[in-house]
Amino acid sequence: MANALISVQIIPKASSTEEVVNYVDEAINIIDQSGVNYEVHPLETTMEGDLEHLLAVIAEMNKKMIEVGSPNVISQVKILYQPDGITMGQLTEKYQS
C-alpha cells in the first residue's frame, strides 16, 4: 500500500516555453516508466507510492533534465507521508462526480 503522496513541479532552465514543455514531457515519461500511480495537473504532477521510491523517481527526473540539455532544474515538492497508508482517492473522493 502507498504510504506517501508527492506532488512535484519540475522547472528546468530553458530558452523557450516550447523547450520547457519538451523537458516536462521527459519528466512525466520518467514517472510513467516508474510504474507508480500518478495524475498530471496543470501546475504539478501528483504521485502515489512508497516514499523512498517516489523520492528516487524525483531524483531520476532531475538527472533526465540535465541529460536532455537543461543546465539546471528546480523541483518544487510537497510530501504527505502517512505510514499506515494513503491514496489520492482518499483525499479527493468527495470531489469526484
Protein backbone atom coordinates (compact mmCIF):
# COMPACT_ATOMS: atom_id res chain seq x y z
CA MET A 1 0.00 0.00 0.00
CA ALA A 2 1.14 3.52 -0.72
CA ASN A 3 2.49 5.41 2.27
CA ALA A 4 3.07 8.74 0.54
CA LEU A 5 1.70 11.24 -1.91
CA ILE A 6 4.18 13.57 -3.55
CA SER A 7 3.31 16.49 -5.78
CA VAL A 8 6.21 17.71 -7.87
CA GLN A 9 6.70 20.61 -10.24
CA ILE A 10 9.80 20.41 -12.40
CA ILE A 11 11.14 23.76 -13.59
CA PRO A 12 14.05 23.22 -15.99
CA LYS A 13 16.11 26.16 -17.18
CA ALA A 14 15.24 26.65 -20.85
CA SER A 15 15.38 29.29 -23.53
CA SER A 16 11.74 28.98 -24.66
CA THR A 17 8.33 27.81 -23.50
CA GLU A 18 8.40 25.10 -26.15
CA GLU A 19 11.67 23.80 -24.75
CA VAL A 20 10.21 23.75 -21.22
CA VAL A 21 7.24 21.70 -22.45
CA ASN A 22 9.60 19.17 -24.05
CA TYR A 23 11.55 18.87 -20.80
CA VAL A 24 8.38 18.43 -18.75
CA ASP A 25 7.22 15.71 -21.17
CA GLU A 26 10.51 13.92 -20.50
CA ALA A 27 9.98 14.25 -16.73
CA ILE A 28 6.46 12.84 -16.94
CA ASN A 29 7.80 9.97 -19.03
CA ILE A 30 10.15 9.10 -16.14
CA ILE A 31 7.13 8.97 -13.81
CA ASP A 32 5.19 6.85 -16.28
CA GLN A 33 8.06 4.37 -16.64
CA SER A 34 8.38 4.08 -12.84
CA GLY A 35 5.05 2.28 -12.60
CA VAL A 36 3.65 4.48 -9.83
CA ASN A 37 0.09 5.73 -9.84
CA TYR A 38 0.08 9.42 -10.83
CA GLU A 39 -2.08 12.29 -12.05
CA VAL A 40 -0.88 15.18 -14.20
CA HIS A 41 -2.38 18.56 -13.30
CA PRO A 42 -1.77 21.97 -14.90
CA LEU A 43 0.88 23.10 -12.39
CA GLU A 44 2.21 19.85 -10.90
CA THR A 45 2.03 16.09 -11.03
CA THR A 46 0.98 14.02 -8.02
CA MET A 47 2.40 10.55 -7.46
CA GLU A 48 1.25 7.84 -5.06
CA GLY A 49 3.51 5.13 -3.67
CA ASP A 50 6.32 4.25 -1.31
CA LEU A 51 8.12 7.38 -0.07
CA GLU A 52 11.62 6.11 -0.87
CA HIS A 53 10.60 5.04 -4.38
CA LEU A 54 8.90 8.36 -5.11
CA LEU A 55 11.97 10.30 -3.97
CA ALA A 56 14.09 8.14 -6.29
CA VAL A 57 11.72 8.97 -9.17
CA ILE A 58 12.21 12.68 -8.48
CA ALA A 59 15.98 12.20 -8.48
CA GLU A 60 15.72 10.44 -11.87
CA MET A 61 13.57 13.29 -13.21
CA ASN A 62 16.21 15.82 -12.22
CA LYS A 63 19.00 13.78 -13.78
CA LYS A 64 17.00 13.43 -17.01
CA MET A 65 16.57 17.21 -17.27
CA ILE A 66 20.35 17.60 -17.30
CA GLU A 67 20.79 14.71 -19.75
CA VAL A 68 18.41 16.32 -22.25
CA GLY A 69 20.12 19.70 -22.09
CA SER A 70 18.87 21.82 -19.22
CA PRO A 71 21.85 23.34 -17.35
CA ASN A 72 19.89 23.19 -14.07
CA VAL A 73 16.46 22.36 -12.70
CA ILE A 74 14.32 23.44 -9.77
CA SER A 75 11.97 20.86 -8.23
CA GLN A 76 9.16 22.09 -6.03
CA VAL A 77 7.95 19.18 -3.93
CA LYS A 78 5.07 18.63 -1.50
CA ILE A 79 5.04 15.40 0.51
CA LEU A 80 2.29 13.74 2.50
CA TYR A 81 3.79 10.82 4.42
CA GLN A 82 1.32 8.55 6.17
CA PRO A 83 2.89 5.23 7.25
CA ASP A 84 -0.46 3.46 7.68
CA GLY A 85 -1.37 4.16 4.03
CA ILE A 86 -2.80 6.91 1.86
CA THR A 87 -4.20 7.26 -1.65
CA MET A 88 -5.08 10.21 -3.84
CA GLY A 89 -8.65 8.92 -3.88
CA GLN A 90 -8.95 9.20 -0.12
CA LEU A 91 -8.23 12.92 -0.34
CA THR A 92 -10.37 13.66 -3.38
CA GLU A 93 -13.32 11.23 -3.23
CA LYS A 94 -15.85 13.82 -2.09
CA TYR A 95 -15.00 15.94 -5.15
CA GLN A 96 -15.40 13.14 -7.69
CA SER A 97 -18.65 13.22 -9.62
